[in-house]
N, C-alpha and C. Protein backbone atom coordinates (compact mmCIF):
# COMPACT_ATOMS: atom_id res chain seq x y z
N UNK A 1 0.91 -1.16 0.08
CA UNK A 1 0.01 0.08 -0.01
C UNK A 1 0.84 1.48 0.05
N UNK A 2 0.46 2.16 -0.93
CA UNK A 2 1.32 3.30 -0.76
C UNK A 2 1.37 4.40 0.42
N UNK A 3 1.69 5.33 0.33
CA UNK A 3 1.62 6.35 1.72
C UNK A 3 0.42 7.11 1.80
N UNK A 4 -0.29 7.24 0.42
CA UNK A 4 -1.31 8.14 0.11
C UNK A 4 -2.89 7.24 0.81
N UNK A 5 -2.31 6.00 0.41
CA UNK A 5 -3.72 5.19 0.68
C UNK A 5 -3.60 4.73 1.98
N UNK A 6 -2.48 4.32 2.76
CA UNK A 6 -2.36 4.18 4.20
C UNK A 6 -2.95 5.38 4.96
N UNK A 7 -2.78 6.32 4.40
CA UNK A 7 -3.24 7.95 5.03
C UNK A 7 -4.60 7.89 4.56
N UNK A 8 -5.64 7.48 3.71
CA UNK A 8 -6.47 7.94 3.05
C UNK A 8 -7.69 6.66 4.09
N UNK A 9 -6.75 5.67 4.26
CA UNK A 9 -7.37 4.20 4.73
C UNK A 9 -7.70 5.27 6.52
N UNK A 10 -7.07 6.14 7.01
CA UNK A 10 -7.84 6.55 8.32
C UNK A 10 -8.78 7.48 8.56
N UNK A 11 -9.11 8.09 7.17
CA UNK A 11 -10.50 8.88 7.04
C UNK A 11 -11.55 8.18 7.62
N UNK A 12 -12.14 8.95 8.68
CA UNK A 12 -13.39 8.54 9.52
C UNK A 12 -14.64 8.36 8.23
N UNK A 13 -15.35 7.50 8.67
CA UNK A 13 -16.88 7.40 7.70
C UNK A 13 -17.49 8.79 7.74
N UNK A 14 -17.75 9.82 8.24
CA UNK A 14 -17.93 10.78 8.21
C UNK A 14 -17.61 11.58 7.04
N UNK A 15 -16.41 11.16 7.02
CA UNK A 15 -15.80 11.87 5.52
C UNK A 15 -15.44 10.96 4.43
N UNK A 16 -16.19 10.04 4.45
CA UNK A 16 -16.56 9.12 3.18
C UNK A 16 -16.03 9.47 1.55
N UNK A 17 -16.66 10.58 1.73
CA UNK A 17 -16.89 11.27 0.34
C UNK A 17 -15.45 11.85 0.38
N UNK A 18 -14.78 12.52 1.02
CA UNK A 18 -13.39 13.34 0.62
C UNK A 18 -12.48 11.86 0.46
N UNK A 19 -12.27 10.87 1.42
CA UNK A 19 -12.12 9.88 1.29
C UNK A 19 -12.09 9.27 -0.26
N UNK A 20 -13.23 8.91 -1.03
CA UNK A 20 -13.62 8.72 -2.24
C UNK A 20 -12.75 9.67 -3.25
N UNK A 21 -13.32 10.63 -2.89
CA UNK A 21 -12.79 11.94 -3.86
C UNK A 21 -11.15 11.58 -4.05
N UNK A 22 -10.41 11.80 -2.78
CA UNK A 22 -8.98 11.82 -3.13
C UNK A 22 -8.25 10.89 -3.86
N UNK A 23 -8.71 9.49 -3.56
CA UNK A 23 -8.69 8.48 -4.56
C UNK A 23 -9.10 8.86 -6.20
N UNK A 24 -9.86 9.58 -6.41
CA UNK A 24 -10.47 9.77 -7.69
C UNK A 24 -9.60 10.94 -8.53
N UNK A 25 -9.23 11.85 -7.50
CA UNK A 25 -8.40 13.12 -7.99
C UNK A 25 -6.93 12.91 -8.41
N UNK A 26 -6.14 11.79 -7.49
CA UNK A 26 -5.02 11.38 -8.06
C UNK A 26 -4.81 9.96 -8.97
N UNK A 27 -5.89 9.89 -9.59
CA UNK A 27 -6.08 8.74 -10.63
C UNK A 27 -5.55 9.15 -11.84
N UNK A 28 -5.12 8.59 -12.65
CA UNK A 28 -4.69 9.04 -14.33
C UNK A 28 -5.62 9.39 -14.77
N UNK A 29 -5.88 10.86 -15.43
CA UNK A 29 -6.79 11.43 -16.22
C UNK A 29 -5.79 12.06 -16.88
N UNK A 30 -6.51 13.57 -17.14
CA UNK A 30 -6.18 14.24 -18.21
C UNK A 30 -4.76 15.08 -17.99
N UNK A 31 -4.48 15.03 -16.78
CA UNK A 31 -3.45 15.63 -15.92
C UNK A 31 -2.14 14.74 -16.07
N UNK A 32 -1.09 14.90 -16.20
CA UNK A 32 0.43 14.04 -16.40
C UNK A 32 0.49 13.64 -14.96
N UNK A 33 1.09 12.68 -14.52
CA UNK A 33 1.76 12.18 -13.19
C UNK A 33 2.48 13.55 -12.32
N UNK A 34 3.04 14.23 -13.20
CA UNK A 34 3.91 15.49 -12.63
C UNK A 34 2.63 16.34 -12.19
N UNK A 35 2.02 16.58 -13.44
CA UNK A 35 0.86 17.93 -13.03
C UNK A 35 0.31 17.57 -11.68
N UNK A 36 -0.30 16.25 -11.65
CA UNK A 36 -1.21 15.67 -10.70
C UNK A 36 -0.63 16.04 -9.22
N UNK A 37 0.72 15.03 -8.95
CA UNK A 37 1.63 15.32 -7.46
C UNK A 37 1.66 16.68 -7.64
N UNK A 38 2.37 17.59 -8.70
CA UNK A 38 2.85 18.73 -8.28
C UNK A 38 1.59 19.75 -7.72
N UNK A 39 0.74 19.94 -8.10
CA UNK A 39 -0.74 20.21 -7.71
C UNK A 39 -1.12 19.81 -6.27
N UNK A 40 -0.84 18.31 -6.13
CA UNK A 40 -1.35 17.87 -4.79
C UNK A 40 -0.35 18.17 -3.62
N UNK A 41 0.65 18.05 -4.02
CA UNK A 41 1.94 18.54 -3.06
C UNK A 41 1.80 19.84 -2.40
N UNK A 42 2.15 20.70 -3.69
CA UNK A 42 1.88 22.15 -3.11
C UNK A 42 0.50 22.84 -2.27
N UNK A 43 -0.72 21.77 -2.78
CA UNK A 43 -2.00 21.95 -1.74
C UNK A 43 -2.08 21.48 -0.63
N UNK A 44 -0.85 20.25 -0.56
CA UNK A 44 -1.12 19.93 0.90
C UNK A 44 0.14 20.53 1.68
N UNK A 45 0.85 21.15 1.04
CA UNK A 45 1.88 21.79 1.98
C UNK A 45 0.95 23.63 2.52
N UNK A 46 0.02 23.94 1.08
CA UNK A 46 -0.30 24.61 1.53
C UNK A 46 -1.47 24.60 2.83
N UNK A 47 -2.24 23.63 3.11
CA UNK A 47 -3.06 23.08 3.87
C UNK A 47 -1.94 23.27 5.54
N UNK A 48 -0.96 23.05 5.59
CA UNK A 48 -0.20 22.85 6.39
C UNK A 48 -0.54 21.61 6.74
N UNK A 49 -0.68 20.43 6.59
CA UNK A 49 -1.02 19.12 6.85
C UNK A 49 0.26 18.43 6.60
N UNK A 50 1.28 18.15 7.63
CA UNK A 50 2.06 17.75 7.58
C UNK A 50 2.41 16.18 6.91
N UNK A 51 1.01 15.19 7.52
CA UNK A 51 1.01 14.13 7.46
C UNK A 51 0.37 13.77 5.60
N UNK A 52 -0.09 14.54 5.40
CA UNK A 52 -0.73 14.67 3.92
C UNK A 52 0.43 15.06 3.14
N UNK A 53 1.39 16.17 3.20
CA UNK A 53 2.24 15.94 2.76
C UNK A 53 3.45 15.28 2.29
N UNK A 54 3.86 15.02 3.57
CA UNK A 54 4.45 13.59 3.35
C UNK A 54 4.22 12.66 2.68
N UNK A 55 2.93 12.15 2.69
CA UNK A 55 2.36 10.84 2.19
C UNK A 55 2.54 11.32 0.68
N UNK A 56 2.21 12.45 0.24
CA UNK A 56 1.88 12.98 -1.37
C UNK A 56 3.53 13.03 -1.85
N UNK A 57 4.29 13.75 -0.75
CA UNK A 57 5.88 13.63 -1.61
C UNK A 57 6.26 11.80 -1.66
N UNK A 58 6.16 11.48 -0.49
CA UNK A 58 6.69 9.86 -0.98
C UNK A 58 6.12 9.66 -2.19
N UNK A 59 4.69 9.43 -2.23
CA UNK A 59 4.28 8.68 -3.54
C UNK A 59 4.80 9.66 -4.70
N UNK A 60 4.50 10.67 -4.64
CA UNK A 60 4.77 11.97 -5.84
C UNK A 60 6.45 11.64 -6.43
N UNK A 61 7.41 11.39 -5.57
CA UNK A 61 8.74 10.85 -5.95
C UNK A 61 8.97 10.32 -6.53
N UNK A 62 8.03 9.22 -6.47
CA UNK A 62 8.74 7.83 -7.78
C UNK A 62 7.65 8.16 -8.70
N UNK A 63 6.38 8.98 -8.60
CA UNK A 63 5.45 8.93 -9.96
C UNK A 63 5.73 10.02 -10.65
N UNK A 64 6.35 11.06 -10.12
CA UNK A 64 6.37 12.22 -10.56
C UNK A 64 8.18 12.93 -10.73
N UNK A 65 8.98 12.39 -9.52
CA UNK A 65 10.52 13.03 -9.75
C UNK A 65 10.25 13.95 -8.44
N UNK A 66 11.83 14.58 -8.34
CA UNK A 66 12.57 15.46 -7.39
C UNK A 66 12.01 16.47 -7.98
N UNK A 67 12.21 16.66 -9.28
CA UNK A 67 12.39 18.50 -9.82
C UNK A 67 10.72 18.78 -9.55
N UNK A 68 9.61 17.66 -9.63
CA UNK A 68 8.53 18.02 -9.84
C UNK A 68 8.21 18.63 -8.48
N UNK A 69 8.67 17.71 -7.05
CA UNK A 69 8.52 18.12 -5.72
C UNK A 69 9.28 19.27 -5.18
N UNK A 70 9.99 19.48 -6.14
CA UNK A 70 10.76 20.90 -5.72
C UNK A 70 10.00 22.14 -6.36
N UNK A 71 9.96 21.78 -7.50
CA UNK A 71 8.64 23.19 -8.13
C UNK A 71 7.56 23.30 -7.00
N UNK A 72 6.89 21.97 -6.63
CA UNK A 72 5.62 22.38 -5.49
C UNK A 72 5.77 22.68 -4.68
N UNK A 73 7.16 22.24 -3.60
CA UNK A 73 7.71 23.11 -2.65
C UNK A 73 7.69 24.72 -2.74
N UNK A 74 8.49 25.00 -3.84
CA UNK A 74 9.00 26.27 -4.18
C UNK A 74 7.36 27.07 -4.40
N UNK A 75 6.78 27.01 -5.41
CA UNK A 75 5.12 27.15 -5.44
C UNK A 75 4.28 27.54 -4.16
N UNK A 76 4.53 26.74 -3.21
CA UNK A 76 3.78 26.59 -2.34
C UNK A 76 4.12 27.62 -1.18
N UNK A 77 5.60 27.87 -1.29
CA UNK A 77 6.17 28.99 -0.48
C UNK A 77 6.17 30.06 -1.04
N UNK A 78 6.34 30.42 -2.68
CA UNK A 78 6.10 31.63 -3.10
C UNK A 78 4.70 32.51 -2.98
N UNK A 79 3.48 31.20 -3.31
CA UNK A 79 2.38 32.14 -2.77
C UNK A 79 1.68 32.03 -1.34
N UNK A 80 2.43 31.48 -0.58
CA UNK A 80 2.15 32.18 0.76
C UNK A 80 2.51 33.14 0.91
N UNK A 81 3.69 33.75 0.43
CA UNK A 81 4.10 35.14 0.37
C UNK A 81 2.85 35.98 -0.36
N UNK A 82 2.78 35.57 -1.73
CA UNK A 82 2.12 36.56 -2.70
C UNK A 82 0.95 36.65 -2.22
N UNK A 83 0.10 35.49 -1.99
CA UNK A 83 -1.40 35.36 -1.53
C UNK A 83 -1.45 36.73 -0.93
N UNK A 84 -0.68 36.18 0.27
CA UNK A 84 -1.26 37.67 1.24
C UNK A 84 -1.21 39.09 0.91
N UNK A 85 0.34 39.40 0.11
CA UNK A 85 0.34 40.28 -0.24
C UNK A 85 -0.81 41.47 -1.55
N UNK A 86 -1.04 40.09 -2.65
CA UNK A 86 -1.46 40.96 -3.26
C UNK A 86 -3.36 40.64 -3.17
N UNK A 87 -3.20 40.11 -2.54
CA UNK A 87 -5.03 39.86 -1.46
C UNK A 87 -5.24 41.31 -1.02
N UNK A 88 -4.40 41.51 -0.17
CA UNK A 88 -4.11 42.71 0.62
C UNK A 88 -4.25 44.01 -0.35
N UNK A 89 -3.23 43.36 -1.29
CA UNK A 89 -3.48 44.93 -2.20
C UNK A 89 -4.95 45.31 -2.96
N UNK A 90 -5.44 43.91 -3.20
CA UNK A 90 -6.85 44.00 -3.76
C UNK A 90 -7.80 44.20 -2.75
N UNK A 91 -7.85 43.79 -1.57
CA UNK A 91 -8.86 44.00 -0.76
C UNK A 91 -9.03 45.51 0.06
N UNK A 92 -7.65 45.71 0.26
CA UNK A 92 -8.03 47.26 0.58
C UNK A 92 -8.34 48.22 -0.73
N UNK A 93 -8.08 48.40 -1.59
CA UNK A 93 -8.97 48.74 -2.38
C UNK A 93 -8.27 50.52 -3.20
N UNK A 94 -7.32 50.56 -2.64
CA UNK A 94 -6.97 51.75 -3.17
C UNK A 94 -5.53 51.35 -3.94
N UNK A 95 -5.51 52.71 -5.03
CA UNK A 95 -4.59 52.44 -5.75
C UNK A 95 -3.40 52.71 -5.19
N UNK A 96 -3.01 53.49 -4.58
CA UNK A 96 -1.70 53.83 -4.14
C UNK A 96 -1.09 52.96 -3.89
N UNK A 97 -1.52 51.65 -2.94
CA UNK A 97 -0.75 50.59 -3.10
C UNK A 97 -0.21 49.77 -4.09
N UNK A 98 -0.83 49.86 -5.22
CA UNK A 98 -0.68 49.35 -6.61
C UNK A 98 0.44 49.84 -7.27
N UNK A 99 0.39 51.08 -6.86
CA UNK A 99 1.37 51.95 -7.39
C UNK A 99 3.24 51.80 -6.83
N UNK A 100 2.94 51.00 -5.56
CA UNK A 100 4.10 50.71 -5.17
C UNK A 100 4.92 49.53 -5.46
N UNK A 101 6.17 49.51 -5.67
CA UNK A 101 6.67 48.38 -6.23
C UNK A 101 6.45 47.07 -4.56
N UNK A 102 6.64 45.96 -5.35
CA UNK A 102 6.23 44.93 -4.36
C UNK A 102 7.74 44.67 -3.71
N UNK A 103 8.90 44.72 -4.24
CA UNK A 103 9.96 44.29 -4.29
C UNK A 103 9.77 42.96 -3.43
N UNK A 104 9.25 42.14 -3.77
CA UNK A 104 9.20 40.48 -3.38
C UNK A 104 9.99 39.81 -4.36
N UNK A 105 11.15 38.66 -3.80
CA UNK A 105 12.22 38.32 -4.81
C UNK A 105 10.73 37.00 -5.22
N UNK A 106 11.06 36.44 -6.55
CA UNK A 106 9.75 35.83 -6.68
C UNK A 106 10.72 35.26 -8.26
N UNK A 107 12.43 34.88 -8.58
CA UNK A 107 12.63 34.35 -9.63
C UNK A 107 12.35 32.89 -9.68
N UNK A 108 11.97 32.31 -8.51
CA UNK A 108 11.49 30.48 -9.37
C UNK A 108 10.42 30.58 -10.12
N UNK A 109 9.69 31.65 -9.76
CA UNK A 109 8.40 31.72 -11.32
C UNK A 109 8.90 31.55 -12.67
N UNK A 110 9.94 32.64 -12.96
CA UNK A 110 10.46 32.51 -14.20
C UNK A 110 11.24 31.53 -14.72
N UNK A 111 11.84 30.78 -13.79
CA UNK A 111 12.96 29.85 -14.10
C UNK A 111 12.52 28.31 -13.02
N UNK A 112 11.46 27.69 -13.23
CA UNK A 112 10.88 26.41 -12.40
C UNK A 112 12.18 25.46 -13.05
N UNK A 113 12.09 24.55 -11.89
CA UNK A 113 13.06 23.37 -12.22
C UNK A 113 12.59 22.70 -13.44
N UNK A 114 11.13 22.39 -13.56
CA UNK A 114 10.60 21.61 -14.57
C UNK A 114 9.84 22.50 -15.87
N UNK A 115 8.77 22.88 -15.76
CA UNK A 115 8.46 23.56 -16.96
C UNK A 115 7.34 24.86 -16.18
N UNK A 116 7.07 26.06 -17.02
CA UNK A 116 6.60 27.06 -16.36
C UNK A 116 5.34 26.97 -16.33
N UNK A 117 4.17 26.59 -17.40
CA UNK A 117 2.72 25.68 -17.58
C UNK A 117 2.55 25.35 -16.45
N UNK A 118 3.30 23.70 -15.90
CA UNK A 118 3.28 23.16 -14.38
C UNK A 118 3.72 23.93 -13.27
N UNK A 119 4.80 24.71 -13.44
CA UNK A 119 4.59 25.46 -12.30
C UNK A 119 3.67 26.60 -11.94
N UNK A 120 3.35 27.20 -13.11
CA UNK A 120 1.85 28.12 -12.65
C UNK A 120 0.73 27.38 -12.66
N UNK A 121 0.50 25.96 -13.03
CA UNK A 121 -1.07 25.15 -12.71
C UNK A 121 -0.53 25.24 -10.90
N UNK A 122 0.60 24.58 -10.26
CA UNK A 122 0.71 24.62 -8.77
C UNK A 122 0.58 25.77 -8.18
N UNK A 123 1.07 27.10 -8.53
CA UNK A 123 0.83 28.33 -8.01
C UNK A 123 -0.78 28.56 -8.09
N UNK A 124 -1.41 28.62 -9.04
CA UNK A 124 -2.43 28.19 -9.25
C UNK A 124 -3.96 27.64 -8.15
N UNK A 125 -3.60 26.41 -8.18
CA UNK A 125 -3.80 25.54 -7.33
C UNK A 125 -3.63 26.26 -5.60
N UNK A 126 -2.50 26.42 -5.38
CA UNK A 126 -2.16 27.04 -3.83
C UNK A 126 -2.92 28.54 -3.85
N UNK A 127 -3.19 29.18 -4.87
CA UNK A 127 -3.75 30.36 -4.93
C UNK A 127 -5.36 30.20 -4.43
N UNK A 128 -5.80 29.00 -5.13
CA UNK A 128 -6.80 28.83 -4.82
C UNK A 128 -7.62 28.73 -3.83
N UNK A 129 -6.44 27.38 -2.77
CA UNK A 129 -6.85 27.48 -1.34
C UNK A 129 -6.82 28.64 -0.64
N UNK A 130 -5.72 29.51 -0.98
CA UNK A 130 -5.50 30.67 -0.16
C UNK A 130 -6.55 31.86 -0.18
N UNK A 131 -7.20 31.68 -1.56
CA UNK A 131 -8.49 32.59 -1.71
C UNK A 131 -7.83 33.60 -2.11
N UNK A 132 -6.72 34.05 -2.97
CA UNK A 132 -6.43 35.23 -3.56
C UNK A 132 -7.13 34.94 -5.15
N UNK A 133 -7.40 36.01 -5.39
CA UNK A 133 -8.30 36.16 -6.75
C UNK A 133 -7.14 36.72 -7.86
N UNK A 134 -6.63 37.98 -7.09
CA UNK A 134 -5.57 38.40 -8.18
C UNK A 134 -4.89 37.41 -8.98
N UNK A 135 -4.28 36.72 -7.83
CA UNK A 135 -3.28 35.28 -8.25
C UNK A 135 -3.72 34.36 -9.01
N UNK A 136 -5.39 34.15 -8.54
CA UNK A 136 -5.91 33.06 -9.49
C UNK A 136 -5.95 33.39 -10.58
N UNK A 137 -6.52 34.91 -10.49
CA UNK A 137 -6.47 35.16 -12.40
C UNK A 137 -5.10 35.31 -13.32
N UNK A 138 -4.21 35.70 -12.30
CA UNK A 138 -3.23 35.53 -12.75
C UNK A 138 -2.26 34.43 -13.44
N UNK A 139 -2.51 33.54 -12.62
CA UNK A 139 -2.19 31.99 -12.96
C UNK A 139 -3.09 31.26 -13.91
N UNK A 140 -4.43 31.22 -13.97
CA UNK A 140 -5.06 31.10 -15.08
C UNK A 140 -4.66 31.16 -16.17
N UNK A 141 -4.65 32.47 -16.13
CA UNK A 141 -3.97 33.31 -17.60
C UNK A 141 -3.04 32.60 -18.08
N UNK A 142 -1.82 32.43 -17.13
CA UNK A 142 -0.52 32.01 -17.53
C UNK A 142 -0.58 30.81 -17.98
N UNK A 143 -1.37 29.93 -17.07
CA UNK A 143 -1.52 28.31 -17.51
C UNK A 143 -2.14 28.31 -18.80
N UNK A 144 -2.88 29.07 -19.28
CA UNK A 144 -3.79 29.08 -20.66
C UNK A 144 -2.47 29.24 -21.62
N UNK A 145 -1.94 30.62 -21.24
CA UNK A 145 -1.03 31.34 -22.12
C UNK A 145 0.21 30.31 -22.04
N UNK A 146 0.77 29.07 -21.29
CA UNK A 146 1.68 28.35 -21.68
C UNK A 146 1.18 27.08 -22.27
N UNK A 147 0.19 26.92 -22.93
CA UNK A 147 -0.53 25.88 -23.60
C UNK A 147 -1.37 24.80 -22.88
N UNK A 148 -1.72 25.40 -21.91
CA UNK A 148 -2.89 24.03 -21.17
C UNK A 148 -3.96 24.68 -21.20
N UNK A 149 -4.88 23.93 -21.15
CA UNK A 149 -6.34 24.22 -21.15
C UNK A 149 -7.56 24.25 -20.01
N UNK A 150 -8.60 24.68 -20.13
CA UNK A 150 -9.51 24.85 -19.16
C UNK A 150 -9.66 23.97 -18.30
N UNK A 151 -9.68 22.87 -18.77
CA UNK A 151 -9.82 21.09 -18.43
C UNK A 151 -8.53 21.10 -17.60
N UNK A 152 -7.26 21.64 -17.93
CA UNK A 152 -6.48 21.01 -16.74
C UNK A 152 -6.29 22.21 -15.59
N UNK A 153 -6.78 23.29 -15.82
CA UNK A 153 -7.14 24.23 -14.75
C UNK A 153 -8.11 23.51 -13.82
N UNK A 154 -9.49 23.13 -14.65
CA UNK A 154 -10.36 22.72 -14.00
C UNK A 154 -10.19 21.73 -12.82
N UNK A 155 -9.29 20.31 -13.35
CA UNK A 155 -8.63 19.51 -12.79
C UNK A 155 -7.76 19.64 -11.76
N UNK A 156 -6.71 20.66 -11.94
CA UNK A 156 -5.96 21.10 -10.77
C UNK A 156 -6.86 21.78 -9.58
N UNK A 157 -7.73 22.67 -9.91
CA UNK A 157 -8.65 23.07 -8.86
C UNK A 157 -9.39 22.17 -7.99
N UNK A 158 -9.73 21.20 -8.93
CA UNK A 158 -10.63 19.81 -8.04
C UNK A 158 -9.31 19.28 -7.03
N UNK A 159 -8.53 19.00 -7.64
CA UNK A 159 -7.22 18.15 -6.66
C UNK A 159 -6.47 19.18 -5.39
N UNK A 160 -6.77 20.28 -5.44
CA UNK A 160 -6.75 21.64 -4.57
C UNK A 160 -8.00 21.50 -3.38
N UNK A 161 -9.04 21.35 -4.37
CA UNK A 161 -10.18 21.24 -3.02
C UNK A 161 -10.14 19.59 -2.41
N UNK A 162 -9.67 19.07 -3.02
CA UNK A 162 -10.03 17.68 -2.13
C UNK A 162 -8.78 17.46 -1.28
N UNK A 163 -7.78 18.07 -1.68
CA UNK A 163 -6.85 17.77 -0.71
C UNK A 163 -6.83 18.99 0.34
N UNK A 164 -7.42 19.94 0.27
CA UNK A 164 -7.65 20.76 1.18
C UNK A 164 -8.73 20.16 2.04
N UNK A 165 -9.73 19.55 1.65
CA UNK A 165 -11.10 18.53 2.70
C UNK A 165 -10.11 17.55 3.03
N UNK A 166 -9.26 17.28 2.55
CA UNK A 166 -8.58 15.73 3.03
C UNK A 166 -7.81 16.28 4.23
N UNK A 167 -7.21 17.51 4.46
CA UNK A 167 -6.33 17.74 5.35
C UNK A 167 -7.34 17.82 6.25
N UNK A 168 -8.26 18.50 6.32
CA UNK A 168 -9.30 18.65 7.40
C UNK A 168 -9.93 17.35 8.31
N UNK A 169 -10.18 16.25 7.33
CA UNK A 169 -10.58 15.27 7.34
C UNK A 169 -9.72 14.30 8.27
N UNK A 170 -8.47 14.54 8.12
CA UNK A 170 -7.28 13.92 8.56
C UNK A 170 -6.96 14.69 10.04
N UNK A 171 -7.16 15.65 9.87
CA UNK A 171 -6.03 16.64 11.05
C UNK A 171 -6.56 15.85 12.41
């Protein structure tokens, strides 16, 4: 039994839907294994559930590789910063904040270990969990401009939603 399956088995009956959804969103489909596990790992990091993060990393290492894991971790940490900063700018609603330079280092977004569209997909998933509208719109556009489709976006956000729910169910 792989690490996610062991963790999934611990989800209680009241969260049975989440248990089944976690299995479904990690199953082969439109997203490549690298995309699926990159999104799932980045999402798990964003939820701060260490058991879920560690299980996804263990399974993802075999199915997607170390570069995907590194990009997922980088995307989650960058979005932890950016989602707060840009959500604030959006929510405060004062143009004067938008006129100031962010002065936040984000080199990894431009130079991911894997590829830009997948990295943007990981960032999009974390931004959905963190609820940053500005970042969601920006990363969705970058994903589409990078050659992926709305179906890729949809599946990535489904994974993020289920991983977020699993983090609650496991806690």
